[in-house]
């Protein structure tokens, strides 16, 4: 994940390896967090993980689209104000292979979908 995404967490998420990508050469993160300076270095650091995920932000997603073969996408069916967005998914490159629709309920304020895309 990018540095700004990491800093949006109040603390590292439990039971996960955290690899933070930053341009800052002397960036200090919480104990146990791996800090690297490129997506390529993050991928190398994640090689021991059986199922690594790239979780943002926008620039990291944009770079990662060139090297990943699966996108696990959560679409929240609501318009939000924001300054960071997932890149447009090019349907000539990506094929939707699964979609699970969920209606808002006591735990979820908005309808949402889990969508899986595979590289064509």
N, C-alpha and C. Protein backbone atom coordinates (compact mmCIF):
# COMPACT_ATOMS: atom_id res chain seq x y z
N UNK A 1 0.84 -1.18 0.00
CA UNK A 1 0.00 0.00 0.00
C UNK A 1 0.88 1.23 0.00
N UNK A 2 0.29 2.31 -0.47
CA UNK A 2 1.01 3.56 -0.42
C UNK A 2 1.06 4.14 0.99
N UNK A 3 1.97 5.07 1.18
CA UNK A 3 2.17 5.68 2.50
C UNK A 3 0.90 6.36 3.01
N UNK A 4 0.21 7.12 2.16
CA UNK A 4 -0.99 7.82 2.60
C UNK A 4 -2.08 6.83 3.01
N UNK A 5 -2.21 5.74 2.27
CA UNK A 5 -3.18 4.70 2.64
C UNK A 5 -2.82 4.13 4.01
N UNK A 6 -1.54 3.81 4.20
CA UNK A 6 -1.09 3.28 5.48
C UNK A 6 -1.39 4.26 6.61
N UNK A 7 -1.11 5.53 6.39
CA UNK A 7 -1.31 6.53 7.43
C UNK A 7 -2.79 6.79 7.72
N UNK A 8 -3.69 6.33 6.84
CA UNK A 8 -5.12 6.48 7.10
C UNK A 8 -5.62 5.47 8.13
N UNK A 9 -4.83 4.45 8.44
CA UNK A 9 -5.19 3.46 9.46
C UNK A 9 -4.76 3.98 10.83
N UNK A 10 -5.53 3.70 11.85
CA UNK A 10 -5.13 4.12 13.20
C UNK A 10 -3.98 3.28 13.71
N UNK A 11 -3.85 2.06 13.20
CA UNK A 11 -2.75 1.16 13.54
C UNK A 11 -2.70 0.07 12.47
N UNK A 12 -1.61 -0.66 12.35
CA UNK A 12 -1.56 -1.75 11.37
C UNK A 12 -2.69 -2.75 11.59
N UNK A 13 -3.22 -3.28 10.51
CA UNK A 13 -4.30 -4.26 10.59
C UNK A 13 -3.75 -5.58 11.13
N UNK A 14 -4.53 -6.30 11.92
CA UNK A 14 -4.03 -7.53 12.53
C UNK A 14 -3.85 -8.67 11.53
N UNK A 15 -2.91 -9.54 11.83
CA UNK A 15 -2.69 -10.78 11.07
C UNK A 15 -2.39 -10.56 9.60
N UNK A 16 -1.67 -9.50 9.29
CA UNK A 16 -1.29 -9.19 7.91
C UNK A 16 0.13 -8.67 7.90
N UNK A 17 0.81 -8.94 6.79
CA UNK A 17 2.10 -8.30 6.54
C UNK A 17 1.81 -6.97 5.88
N UNK A 18 2.37 -5.90 6.37
CA UNK A 18 2.18 -4.58 5.80
C UNK A 18 3.45 -4.16 5.08
N UNK A 19 3.31 -3.86 3.80
CA UNK A 19 4.41 -3.35 2.99
C UNK A 19 3.98 -1.97 2.50
N UNK A 20 4.71 -0.95 2.90
CA UNK A 20 4.36 0.43 2.58
C UNK A 20 5.33 0.96 1.53
N UNK A 21 4.76 1.52 0.47
CA UNK A 21 5.56 2.11 -0.61
C UNK A 21 5.57 3.62 -0.43
N UNK A 22 6.77 4.20 -0.38
CA UNK A 22 6.90 5.64 -0.22
C UNK A 22 8.13 6.14 -0.97
N UNK A 23 8.06 7.39 -1.42
CA UNK A 23 9.24 8.02 -2.02
C UNK A 23 10.18 8.56 -0.95
N UNK A 24 9.70 8.67 0.28
CA UNK A 24 10.52 9.20 1.38
C UNK A 24 11.59 8.18 1.76
N UNK A 25 12.84 8.55 1.61
CA UNK A 25 13.95 7.62 1.83
C UNK A 25 14.10 7.18 3.28
N UNK A 26 13.75 8.01 4.24
CA UNK A 26 13.95 7.68 5.65
C UNK A 26 12.64 7.52 6.40
N UNK A 27 11.60 7.09 5.70
CA UNK A 27 10.27 6.95 6.31
C UNK A 27 10.31 5.90 7.42
N UNK A 28 9.76 6.24 8.58
CA UNK A 28 9.68 5.33 9.71
C UNK A 28 8.23 4.93 9.91
N UNK A 29 7.99 3.63 9.96
CA UNK A 29 6.64 3.10 10.19
C UNK A 29 6.65 2.28 11.48
N UNK A 30 5.51 1.78 11.83
CA UNK A 30 5.38 0.96 13.04
C UNK A 30 6.27 -0.28 12.94
N UNK A 31 6.63 -0.81 14.09
CA UNK A 31 7.45 -2.01 14.14
C UNK A 31 6.77 -3.13 13.35
N UNK A 32 7.55 -3.85 12.56
CA UNK A 32 7.04 -4.96 11.77
C UNK A 32 6.55 -4.58 10.39
N UNK A 33 6.43 -3.28 10.10
CA UNK A 33 5.99 -2.81 8.79
C UNK A 33 7.21 -2.72 7.88
N UNK A 34 7.11 -3.29 6.70
CA UNK A 34 8.18 -3.25 5.72
C UNK A 34 8.02 -1.99 4.87
N UNK A 35 9.06 -1.19 4.76
CA UNK A 35 9.01 0.04 3.97
C UNK A 35 9.89 -0.12 2.75
N UNK A 36 9.34 0.17 1.57
CA UNK A 36 10.07 0.08 0.31
C UNK A 36 9.83 1.35 -0.49
N UNK A 37 10.57 1.50 -1.59
CA UNK A 37 10.48 2.72 -2.37
C UNK A 37 9.92 2.53 -3.78
N UNK A 38 9.38 1.33 -4.07
CA UNK A 38 8.79 1.11 -5.39
C UNK A 38 7.82 -0.07 -5.34
N UNK A 39 6.92 -0.11 -6.31
CA UNK A 39 6.01 -1.25 -6.42
C UNK A 39 6.79 -2.53 -6.66
N UNK A 40 7.82 -2.46 -7.47
CA UNK A 40 8.64 -3.65 -7.75
C UNK A 40 9.26 -4.20 -6.47
N UNK A 41 9.76 -3.32 -5.62
CA UNK A 41 10.35 -3.76 -4.34
C UNK A 41 9.28 -4.35 -3.43
N UNK A 42 8.07 -3.80 -3.47
CA UNK A 42 6.97 -4.34 -2.66
C UNK A 42 6.60 -5.74 -3.12
N UNK A 43 6.54 -5.94 -4.43
CA UNK A 43 6.22 -7.27 -4.97
C UNK A 43 7.29 -8.27 -4.56
N UNK A 44 8.54 -7.86 -4.63
CA UNK A 44 9.63 -8.75 -4.20
C UNK A 44 9.51 -9.08 -2.72
N UNK A 45 9.19 -8.09 -1.89
CA UNK A 45 9.05 -8.31 -0.45
C UNK A 45 7.86 -9.21 -0.12
N UNK A 46 6.87 -9.26 -1.02
CA UNK A 46 5.66 -10.06 -0.78
C UNK A 46 5.74 -11.46 -1.35
N UNK A 47 6.87 -11.85 -1.92
CA UNK A 47 6.97 -13.15 -2.58
C UNK A 47 6.66 -14.34 -1.67
N UNK A 48 6.88 -14.20 -0.36
CA UNK A 48 6.61 -15.30 0.56
C UNK A 48 5.13 -15.40 0.92
N UNK A 49 4.36 -14.37 0.61
CA UNK A 49 2.93 -14.35 0.93
C UNK A 49 2.18 -15.16 -0.12
N UNK A 50 1.33 -16.08 0.31
CA UNK A 50 0.58 -16.92 -0.63
C UNK A 50 -0.50 -16.15 -1.38
N UNK A 51 -1.03 -15.08 -0.79
CA UNK A 51 -2.13 -14.36 -1.41
C UNK A 51 -2.01 -12.86 -1.11
N UNK A 52 -1.02 -12.18 -1.70
CA UNK A 52 -0.85 -10.76 -1.41
C UNK A 52 -1.93 -9.91 -2.08
N UNK A 53 -2.23 -8.78 -1.46
CA UNK A 53 -3.20 -7.83 -1.99
C UNK A 53 -2.54 -6.46 -2.09
N UNK A 54 -2.90 -5.73 -3.13
CA UNK A 54 -2.51 -4.33 -3.28
C UNK A 54 -3.74 -3.53 -2.89
N UNK A 55 -3.61 -2.64 -1.89
CA UNK A 55 -4.81 -2.00 -1.35
C UNK A 55 -4.81 -0.48 -1.50
N UNK A 56 -4.02 0.05 -2.41
CA UNK A 56 -4.10 1.48 -2.69
C UNK A 56 -2.88 2.24 -2.23
N UNK A 57 -2.89 3.49 -2.53
CA UNK A 57 -3.89 4.36 -3.09
C UNK A 57 -3.89 4.39 -4.60
N UNK A 58 -4.42 5.49 -5.11
CA UNK A 58 -4.68 5.63 -6.53
C UNK A 58 -3.47 5.41 -7.42
N UNK A 59 -2.33 6.00 -7.09
CA UNK A 59 -1.13 5.84 -7.92
C UNK A 59 -0.61 4.40 -7.87
N UNK A 60 -0.69 3.78 -6.70
CA UNK A 60 -0.26 2.38 -6.57
C UNK A 60 -1.16 1.49 -7.42
N UNK A 61 -2.47 1.72 -7.38
CA UNK A 61 -3.40 0.94 -8.21
C UNK A 61 -3.05 1.10 -9.70
N UNK A 62 -2.80 2.34 -10.10
CA UNK A 62 -2.49 2.61 -11.51
C UNK A 62 -1.25 1.83 -11.95
N UNK A 63 -0.21 1.83 -11.14
CA UNK A 63 1.01 1.07 -11.47
C UNK A 63 0.74 -0.43 -11.46
N UNK A 64 -0.03 -0.89 -10.50
CA UNK A 64 -0.26 -2.33 -10.32
C UNK A 64 -1.08 -2.93 -11.45
N UNK A 65 -1.94 -2.16 -12.08
CA UNK A 65 -2.76 -2.70 -13.17
C UNK A 65 -1.90 -3.28 -14.30
N UNK A 66 -0.66 -2.85 -14.39
CA UNK A 66 0.24 -3.35 -15.43
C UNK A 66 0.76 -4.76 -15.10
N UNK A 67 0.71 -5.17 -13.82
CA UNK A 67 1.37 -6.42 -13.44
C UNK A 67 0.46 -7.47 -12.79
N UNK A 68 -0.74 -7.10 -12.37
CA UNK A 68 -1.62 -8.07 -11.72
C UNK A 68 -2.46 -8.82 -12.74
N UNK A 69 -2.99 -9.98 -12.33
CA UNK A 69 -3.85 -10.75 -13.23
C UNK A 69 -5.28 -10.86 -12.72
N UNK A 70 -5.53 -10.39 -11.48
CA UNK A 70 -6.87 -10.42 -10.89
C UNK A 70 -7.12 -9.12 -10.15
N UNK A 71 -8.36 -8.62 -10.27
CA UNK A 71 -8.80 -7.47 -9.49
C UNK A 71 -9.98 -7.91 -8.66
N UNK A 72 -9.90 -7.74 -7.35
CA UNK A 72 -11.03 -7.96 -6.44
C UNK A 72 -11.52 -6.57 -6.07
N UNK A 73 -12.65 -6.19 -6.63
CA UNK A 73 -13.12 -4.81 -6.59
C UNK A 73 -14.38 -4.72 -5.75
N UNK A 74 -14.44 -3.78 -4.83
CA UNK A 74 -15.67 -3.51 -4.08
C UNK A 74 -16.23 -2.20 -4.58
N UNK A 75 -17.44 -2.25 -5.12
CA UNK A 75 -18.10 -1.04 -5.60
C UNK A 75 -19.22 -0.70 -4.62
N UNK A 76 -19.12 0.46 -4.00
CA UNK A 76 -20.17 0.95 -3.11
C UNK A 76 -21.10 1.81 -3.97
N UNK A 77 -22.38 1.50 -3.95
CA UNK A 77 -23.34 2.16 -4.82
C UNK A 77 -23.84 3.46 -4.19
N UNK A 78 -22.95 4.44 -4.22
CA UNK A 78 -23.25 5.77 -3.69
C UNK A 78 -22.20 6.73 -4.25
N UNK A 79 -22.56 7.99 -4.39
CA UNK A 79 -21.60 9.00 -4.83
C UNK A 79 -20.97 9.66 -3.61
N UNK A 80 -19.63 9.67 -3.57
CA UNK A 80 -18.89 10.26 -2.47
C UNK A 80 -17.99 11.36 -2.99
N UNK A 81 -17.71 12.34 -2.15
CA UNK A 81 -16.69 13.33 -2.45
C UNK A 81 -15.34 12.64 -2.21
N UNK A 82 -14.37 12.91 -3.07
CA UNK A 82 -13.06 12.32 -2.87
C UNK A 82 -12.05 12.88 -3.84
N UNK A 83 -10.78 12.59 -3.57
CA UNK A 83 -9.72 13.08 -4.44
C UNK A 83 -8.85 11.94 -4.97
N UNK A 84 -9.16 10.70 -4.61
CA UNK A 84 -8.40 9.55 -5.08
C UNK A 84 -9.38 8.52 -5.62
N UNK A 85 -9.10 7.99 -6.81
CA UNK A 85 -10.02 7.08 -7.45
C UNK A 85 -9.27 5.90 -8.05
N UNK A 86 -9.94 4.76 -8.11
CA UNK A 86 -9.39 3.60 -8.80
C UNK A 86 -9.38 3.90 -10.29
N UNK A 87 -8.35 3.48 -11.01
CA UNK A 87 -8.33 3.74 -12.46
C UNK A 87 -9.52 3.06 -13.17
N UNK A 88 -9.88 3.58 -14.32
CA UNK A 88 -10.93 2.96 -15.13
C UNK A 88 -10.47 1.56 -15.53
N UNK A 89 -11.36 0.59 -15.39
CA UNK A 89 -11.05 -0.79 -15.76
C UNK A 89 -11.39 -0.96 -17.23
N UNK A 90 -10.38 -1.18 -18.04
CA UNK A 90 -10.53 -1.33 -19.48
C UNK A 90 -11.08 -2.72 -19.79
N UNK A 91 -12.29 -2.78 -20.34
CA UNK A 91 -12.94 -4.06 -20.58
C UNK A 91 -12.33 -4.85 -21.74
N UNK A 92 -11.44 -4.23 -22.51
CA UNK A 92 -10.73 -5.02 -23.52
C UNK A 92 -9.56 -5.78 -22.89
N UNK A 93 -9.13 -5.33 -21.72
CA UNK A 93 -8.04 -5.98 -21.00
C UNK A 93 -8.57 -6.90 -19.89
N UNK A 94 -9.69 -6.50 -19.27
CA UNK A 94 -10.22 -7.19 -18.10
C UNK A 94 -11.61 -7.75 -18.38
N UNK A 95 -11.86 -8.96 -17.88
CA UNK A 95 -13.16 -9.61 -18.01
C UNK A 95 -13.76 -9.81 -16.62
N UNK A 96 -15.00 -9.38 -16.45
CA UNK A 96 -15.69 -9.63 -15.18
C UNK A 96 -16.03 -11.11 -15.10
N UNK A 97 -15.58 -11.77 -14.03
CA UNK A 97 -15.81 -13.21 -13.88
C UNK A 97 -16.74 -13.56 -12.72
N UNK A 98 -17.00 -12.60 -11.85
CA UNK A 98 -17.92 -12.86 -10.73
C UNK A 98 -18.43 -11.54 -10.18
N UNK A 99 -19.69 -11.56 -9.71
CA UNK A 99 -20.28 -10.37 -9.09
C UNK A 99 -21.25 -10.85 -8.01
N UNK A 100 -21.05 -10.35 -6.80
CA UNK A 100 -21.96 -10.61 -5.68
C UNK A 100 -22.56 -9.29 -5.26
N UNK A 101 -23.89 -9.16 -5.40
CA UNK A 101 -24.60 -7.94 -5.04
C UNK A 101 -25.08 -8.03 -3.60
N UNK A 102 -24.99 -6.92 -2.87
CA UNK A 102 -25.44 -6.87 -1.48
C UNK A 102 -26.25 -5.60 -1.27
N UNK A 103 -27.39 -5.75 -0.63
CA UNK A 103 -28.25 -4.61 -0.31
C UNK A 103 -27.83 -4.02 1.03
N UNK A 104 -28.11 -2.73 1.20
CA UNK A 104 -27.81 -2.12 2.50
C UNK A 104 -28.62 -2.84 3.57
N UNK A 105 -28.07 -2.83 4.77
CA UNK A 105 -28.72 -3.51 5.89
C UNK A 105 -28.29 -2.85 7.19
N UNK A 106 -28.51 -3.51 8.31
CA UNK A 106 -28.16 -2.93 9.61
C UNK A 106 -26.67 -2.66 9.76
N UNK A 107 -25.84 -3.42 9.03
CA UNK A 107 -24.38 -3.26 9.13
C UNK A 107 -23.78 -2.43 8.00
N UNK A 108 -24.54 -2.22 6.92
CA UNK A 108 -24.03 -1.54 5.73
C UNK A 108 -24.98 -0.42 5.33
N UNK A 109 -24.47 0.79 5.28
CA UNK A 109 -25.30 1.96 4.99
C UNK A 109 -25.71 2.05 3.52
N UNK A 110 -24.94 1.41 2.61
CA UNK A 110 -25.19 1.50 1.18
C UNK A 110 -25.19 0.12 0.54
N UNK A 111 -25.90 0.00 -0.59
CA UNK A 111 -25.77 -1.20 -1.41
C UNK A 111 -24.32 -1.29 -1.89
N UNK A 112 -23.82 -2.51 -2.11
CA UNK A 112 -22.46 -2.67 -2.62
C UNK A 112 -22.34 -3.98 -3.38
N UNK A 113 -21.29 -4.07 -4.18
CA UNK A 113 -21.01 -5.27 -4.97
C UNK A 113 -19.56 -5.66 -4.82
N UNK A 114 -19.31 -6.96 -4.73
CA UNK A 114 -17.96 -7.51 -4.84
C UNK A 114 -17.83 -8.01 -6.27
N UNK A 115 -16.85 -7.51 -7.01
CA UNK A 115 -16.70 -7.86 -8.42
C UNK A 115 -15.29 -8.39 -8.64
N UNK A 116 -15.17 -9.51 -9.33
CA UNK A 116 -13.86 -10.07 -9.68
C UNK A 116 -13.64 -9.89 -11.17
N UNK A 117 -12.45 -9.38 -11.52
CA UNK A 117 -12.03 -9.24 -12.91
C UNK A 117 -10.78 -10.08 -13.10
N UNK A 118 -10.68 -10.73 -14.24
CA UNK A 118 -9.47 -11.46 -14.63
C UNK A 118 -8.92 -10.84 -15.91
N UNK A 119 -7.58 -10.84 -15.99
CA UNK A 119 -6.96 -10.33 -17.21
C UNK A 119 -7.32 -11.25 -18.36
N UNK A 120 -7.70 -10.67 -19.51
CA UNK A 120 -8.06 -11.46 -20.71
C UNK A 120 -6.82 -12.07 -21.32
